[in-house]
């Protein structure tokens, strides 16, 4: 098993939309995925996806606790939808892990 992988994190509508006019961000990520796959490296996708009650969010974590007040990144939230990459839908990561 290789000890190198490409980690694609949080490439979701609600997060990418916050980037300040970086319209080539998603194409660059797609290119990195293509190159990693050509090199037969694992591509690991991680997305933010909370349960509706935010059970996995520790209230002492100020960054994640901000999501609980906004109601974001729960099932059905359009902001949580992973962007589509050139090789299929992103976001096949694990759900409901706490950071």
N, C-alpha and C. Protein backbone atom coordinates (compact mmCIF):
# COMPACT_ATOMS: atom_id res chain seq x y z
N UNK A 1 0.84 -1.17 0.00
CA UNK A 1 0.00 0.00 0.00
C UNK A 1 0.90 1.25 0.00
N UNK A 2 0.59 2.21 -0.87
CA UNK A 2 1.44 3.40 -0.92
C UNK A 2 1.30 4.24 0.35
N UNK A 3 2.35 4.98 0.67
CA UNK A 3 2.27 5.84 1.83
C UNK A 3 2.00 7.29 1.42
N UNK A 4 1.54 7.49 0.18
CA UNK A 4 1.20 8.80 -0.34
C UNK A 4 -0.21 8.74 -0.89
N UNK A 5 -0.99 9.77 -0.63
CA UNK A 5 -2.35 9.86 -1.15
C UNK A 5 -2.69 11.32 -1.36
N UNK A 6 -3.72 11.57 -2.16
CA UNK A 6 -4.25 12.92 -2.31
C UNK A 6 -5.47 13.03 -1.42
N UNK A 7 -5.48 14.01 -0.55
CA UNK A 7 -6.60 14.26 0.36
C UNK A 7 -7.38 15.46 -0.18
N UNK A 8 -8.62 15.24 -0.57
CA UNK A 8 -9.49 16.30 -1.09
C UNK A 8 -10.48 16.60 0.03
N UNK A 9 -10.29 17.75 0.67
CA UNK A 9 -11.08 18.08 1.86
C UNK A 9 -12.02 19.24 1.63
N UNK A 10 -13.27 19.04 2.05
CA UNK A 10 -14.24 20.12 2.17
C UNK A 10 -14.50 20.87 0.87
N UNK A 11 -14.45 20.18 -0.25
CA UNK A 11 -14.74 20.82 -1.53
C UNK A 11 -16.25 20.69 -1.74
N UNK A 12 -16.97 21.55 -1.04
CA UNK A 12 -18.42 21.55 -1.03
C UNK A 12 -18.93 22.94 -1.39
N UNK A 13 -20.15 23.00 -1.91
CA UNK A 13 -20.69 24.28 -2.39
C UNK A 13 -20.57 25.41 -1.38
N UNK A 14 -20.97 25.17 -0.15
CA UNK A 14 -20.96 26.22 0.86
C UNK A 14 -19.59 26.70 1.25
N UNK A 15 -18.58 25.87 1.09
CA UNK A 15 -17.21 26.28 1.44
C UNK A 15 -16.49 26.90 0.25
N UNK A 16 -16.64 26.31 -0.93
CA UNK A 16 -15.98 26.85 -2.12
C UNK A 16 -16.55 28.23 -2.44
N UNK A 17 -17.84 28.43 -2.16
CA UNK A 17 -18.47 29.73 -2.42
C UNK A 17 -17.83 30.85 -1.60
N UNK A 18 -17.16 30.51 -0.53
CA UNK A 18 -16.52 31.51 0.32
C UNK A 18 -15.16 31.97 -0.21
N UNK A 19 -14.65 31.28 -1.21
CA UNK A 19 -13.36 31.67 -1.77
C UNK A 19 -13.50 32.99 -2.51
N UNK A 20 -12.56 33.85 -2.33
CA UNK A 20 -12.59 35.18 -2.95
C UNK A 20 -12.17 35.07 -4.41
N UNK A 21 -13.14 35.01 -5.30
CA UNK A 21 -12.92 35.05 -6.75
C UNK A 21 -11.75 34.17 -7.20
N UNK A 22 -11.84 32.91 -6.87
CA UNK A 22 -10.83 31.96 -7.31
C UNK A 22 -11.51 30.94 -8.22
N UNK A 23 -11.89 31.39 -9.40
CA UNK A 23 -12.70 30.58 -10.29
C UNK A 23 -11.96 29.36 -10.83
N UNK A 24 -10.65 29.34 -10.71
CA UNK A 24 -9.94 28.15 -11.22
C UNK A 24 -9.58 27.17 -10.10
N UNK A 25 -10.12 27.36 -8.91
CA UNK A 25 -9.84 26.46 -7.80
C UNK A 25 -10.32 25.03 -8.10
N UNK A 26 -11.59 24.89 -8.49
CA UNK A 26 -12.13 23.56 -8.74
C UNK A 26 -11.41 22.89 -9.91
N UNK A 27 -11.15 23.59 -11.03
CA UNK A 27 -10.36 22.93 -12.08
C UNK A 27 -8.97 22.48 -11.62
N UNK A 28 -8.33 23.25 -10.73
CA UNK A 28 -7.02 22.84 -10.21
C UNK A 28 -7.15 21.59 -9.35
N UNK A 29 -8.20 21.53 -8.53
CA UNK A 29 -8.42 20.33 -7.72
C UNK A 29 -8.68 19.14 -8.63
N UNK A 30 -9.50 19.34 -9.67
CA UNK A 30 -9.77 18.26 -10.61
C UNK A 30 -8.48 17.77 -11.26
N UNK A 31 -7.61 18.68 -11.64
CA UNK A 31 -6.34 18.29 -12.26
C UNK A 31 -5.48 17.49 -11.29
N UNK A 32 -5.46 17.90 -10.04
CA UNK A 32 -4.70 17.14 -9.04
C UNK A 32 -5.25 15.73 -8.90
N UNK A 33 -6.58 15.57 -8.97
CA UNK A 33 -7.20 14.25 -8.89
C UNK A 33 -6.79 13.40 -10.09
N UNK A 34 -6.82 13.99 -11.27
CA UNK A 34 -6.44 13.27 -12.49
C UNK A 34 -4.99 12.79 -12.39
N UNK A 35 -4.11 13.68 -11.94
CA UNK A 35 -2.68 13.32 -11.83
C UNK A 35 -2.48 12.23 -10.78
N UNK A 36 -3.16 12.34 -9.64
CA UNK A 36 -3.02 11.33 -8.59
C UNK A 36 -3.51 9.97 -9.08
N UNK A 37 -4.64 9.96 -9.76
CA UNK A 37 -5.16 8.69 -10.27
C UNK A 37 -4.25 8.10 -11.33
N UNK A 38 -3.69 8.95 -12.18
CA UNK A 38 -2.76 8.46 -13.21
C UNK A 38 -1.54 7.83 -12.57
N UNK A 39 -1.14 8.35 -11.42
CA UNK A 39 0.00 7.80 -10.69
C UNK A 39 -0.43 6.63 -9.78
N UNK A 40 -1.70 6.24 -9.88
CA UNK A 40 -2.27 5.14 -9.10
C UNK A 40 -2.19 5.40 -7.59
N UNK A 41 -2.32 6.66 -7.22
CA UNK A 41 -2.35 7.02 -5.80
C UNK A 41 -3.79 7.02 -5.32
N UNK A 42 -4.01 6.69 -4.07
CA UNK A 42 -5.37 6.77 -3.53
C UNK A 42 -5.81 8.24 -3.47
N UNK A 43 -7.08 8.46 -3.75
CA UNK A 43 -7.68 9.78 -3.60
C UNK A 43 -8.73 9.65 -2.51
N UNK A 44 -8.54 10.40 -1.43
CA UNK A 44 -9.41 10.30 -0.26
C UNK A 44 -10.22 11.59 -0.17
N UNK A 45 -11.55 11.45 -0.09
CA UNK A 45 -12.45 12.59 -0.03
C UNK A 45 -13.00 12.74 1.38
N UNK A 46 -12.96 13.96 1.90
CA UNK A 46 -13.49 14.25 3.22
C UNK A 46 -14.45 15.42 3.07
N UNK A 47 -15.66 15.26 3.62
CA UNK A 47 -16.65 16.33 3.56
C UNK A 47 -17.19 16.62 4.95
N UNK A 48 -17.69 17.83 5.12
CA UNK A 48 -18.39 18.20 6.35
C UNK A 48 -19.84 17.78 6.17
N UNK A 49 -20.34 16.98 7.09
CA UNK A 49 -21.71 16.48 7.00
C UNK A 49 -22.17 16.11 8.40
N UNK A 50 -22.91 17.01 9.03
CA UNK A 50 -23.35 16.79 10.41
C UNK A 50 -24.75 16.18 10.46
N UNK A 51 -25.05 15.49 11.54
CA UNK A 51 -26.42 15.08 11.78
C UNK A 51 -27.24 16.33 12.14
N UNK A 52 -28.54 16.25 11.99
CA UNK A 52 -29.40 17.41 12.21
C UNK A 52 -29.28 17.98 13.62
N UNK A 53 -28.95 17.13 14.60
CA UNK A 53 -28.83 17.61 15.98
C UNK A 53 -27.40 18.01 16.36
N UNK A 54 -26.48 17.92 15.41
CA UNK A 54 -25.07 18.28 15.63
C UNK A 54 -24.45 17.53 16.80
N UNK A 55 -24.83 16.30 16.99
CA UNK A 55 -24.33 15.51 18.12
C UNK A 55 -22.82 15.36 18.12
N UNK A 56 -22.21 15.42 16.94
CA UNK A 56 -20.76 15.22 16.86
C UNK A 56 -19.96 16.49 17.10
N UNK A 57 -20.61 17.62 17.32
CA UNK A 57 -19.91 18.90 17.51
C UNK A 57 -19.76 19.19 19.00
N UNK A 58 -18.52 19.31 19.43
CA UNK A 58 -18.24 19.71 20.81
C UNK A 58 -18.48 21.21 20.92
N UNK A 59 -19.30 21.67 21.85
CA UNK A 59 -19.58 23.10 21.96
C UNK A 59 -18.34 23.94 22.27
N UNK A 60 -17.28 23.31 22.75
CA UNK A 60 -16.04 24.03 23.01
C UNK A 60 -15.21 24.27 21.75
N UNK A 61 -15.58 23.61 20.64
CA UNK A 61 -14.90 23.82 19.38
C UNK A 61 -15.57 25.00 18.67
N UNK A 62 -14.96 26.17 18.76
CA UNK A 62 -15.59 27.39 18.27
C UNK A 62 -15.82 27.37 16.76
N UNK A 63 -14.94 26.75 16.01
CA UNK A 63 -15.10 26.71 14.56
C UNK A 63 -16.31 25.86 14.19
N UNK A 64 -16.38 24.63 14.70
CA UNK A 64 -17.50 23.76 14.35
C UNK A 64 -18.79 24.19 15.01
N UNK A 65 -18.71 24.75 16.21
CA UNK A 65 -19.92 25.21 16.90
C UNK A 65 -20.62 26.32 16.12
N UNK A 66 -19.88 27.06 15.31
CA UNK A 66 -20.49 28.11 14.49
C UNK A 66 -21.49 27.51 13.50
N UNK A 67 -21.26 26.30 13.06
CA UNK A 67 -22.20 25.65 12.14
C UNK A 67 -23.54 25.38 12.82
N UNK A 68 -23.52 25.10 14.13
CA UNK A 68 -24.76 24.77 14.81
C UNK A 68 -25.71 25.96 14.85
N UNK A 69 -25.18 27.16 14.95
CA UNK A 69 -26.06 28.34 14.99
C UNK A 69 -26.56 28.72 13.60
N UNK A 70 -25.81 28.35 12.57
CA UNK A 70 -26.22 28.69 11.21
C UNK A 70 -27.13 27.63 10.59
N UNK A 71 -27.16 26.44 11.21
CA UNK A 71 -27.98 25.37 10.67
C UNK A 71 -27.39 24.74 9.42
N UNK A 72 -26.11 24.89 9.21
CA UNK A 72 -25.51 24.43 7.97
C UNK A 72 -24.89 23.05 8.04
N UNK A 73 -24.68 22.49 6.85
CA UNK A 73 -23.98 21.24 6.63
C UNK A 73 -24.64 20.05 7.31
N UNK A 74 -25.95 20.04 7.23
CA UNK A 74 -26.75 18.91 7.71
C UNK A 74 -27.43 18.27 6.49
N UNK A 75 -27.99 17.08 6.65
CA UNK A 75 -28.65 16.44 5.52
C UNK A 75 -29.70 17.36 4.88
N UNK A 76 -29.63 17.47 3.58
CA UNK A 76 -30.56 18.31 2.84
C UNK A 76 -30.11 19.75 2.65
N UNK A 77 -29.03 20.15 3.30
CA UNK A 77 -28.52 21.52 3.15
C UNK A 77 -27.76 21.62 1.83
N UNK A 78 -28.19 22.51 0.91
CA UNK A 78 -27.49 22.63 -0.37
C UNK A 78 -26.01 22.99 -0.22
N UNK A 79 -25.64 23.70 0.84
CA UNK A 79 -24.24 24.07 1.04
C UNK A 79 -23.36 22.86 1.29
N UNK A 80 -23.94 21.77 1.76
CA UNK A 80 -23.17 20.58 2.09
C UNK A 80 -22.92 19.68 0.89
N UNK A 81 -23.55 19.98 -0.23
CA UNK A 81 -23.42 19.12 -1.40
C UNK A 81 -21.99 19.18 -1.94
N UNK A 82 -21.34 18.02 -2.06
CA UNK A 82 -19.99 18.02 -2.65
C UNK A 82 -20.06 18.45 -4.11
N UNK A 83 -19.05 19.18 -4.55
CA UNK A 83 -18.98 19.57 -5.95
C UNK A 83 -18.65 18.36 -6.79
N UNK A 84 -19.07 18.40 -8.01
CA UNK A 84 -18.80 17.28 -8.92
C UNK A 84 -17.40 17.45 -9.50
N UNK A 85 -16.65 16.40 -9.46
CA UNK A 85 -15.34 16.40 -10.08
C UNK A 85 -15.40 15.73 -11.43
N UNK A 86 -14.33 15.80 -12.16
CA UNK A 86 -14.28 15.20 -13.48
C UNK A 86 -14.38 13.69 -13.47
N UNK A 87 -14.17 13.06 -12.34
CA UNK A 87 -14.16 11.60 -12.26
C UNK A 87 -15.31 11.08 -11.39
N UNK A 88 -16.43 11.75 -11.38
CA UNK A 88 -17.55 11.30 -10.55
C UNK A 88 -17.75 12.23 -9.38
N UNK A 89 -18.77 11.96 -8.62
CA UNK A 89 -19.13 12.89 -7.54
C UNK A 89 -18.13 12.80 -6.39
N UNK A 90 -17.81 13.95 -5.88
CA UNK A 90 -16.95 14.01 -4.71
C UNK A 90 -17.80 13.74 -3.49
N UNK A 91 -17.15 13.38 -2.42
CA UNK A 91 -17.86 13.26 -1.17
C UNK A 91 -18.17 11.84 -0.78
N UNK A 92 -17.36 10.91 -1.17
CA UNK A 92 -17.59 9.54 -0.75
C UNK A 92 -16.88 9.28 0.57
N UNK A 93 -16.72 10.32 1.34
CA UNK A 93 -16.01 10.20 2.62
C UNK A 93 -16.89 9.68 3.72
N UNK A 94 -16.33 9.57 4.89
CA UNK A 94 -17.02 9.04 6.07
C UNK A 94 -17.86 10.15 6.71
N UNK A 95 -18.99 9.78 7.23
CA UNK A 95 -19.89 10.75 7.85
C UNK A 95 -19.82 10.65 9.37
N UNK A 96 -20.16 11.75 10.00
CA UNK A 96 -20.39 11.83 11.43
C UNK A 96 -19.17 11.56 12.30
N UNK A 97 -18.06 12.08 11.89
CA UNK A 97 -16.89 12.03 12.74
C UNK A 97 -16.74 13.38 13.41
N UNK A 98 -16.29 13.38 14.61
CA UNK A 98 -16.09 14.63 15.33
C UNK A 98 -14.62 15.02 15.27
N UNK A 99 -14.39 16.33 15.18
CA UNK A 99 -13.01 16.81 15.15
C UNK A 99 -12.68 17.47 16.47
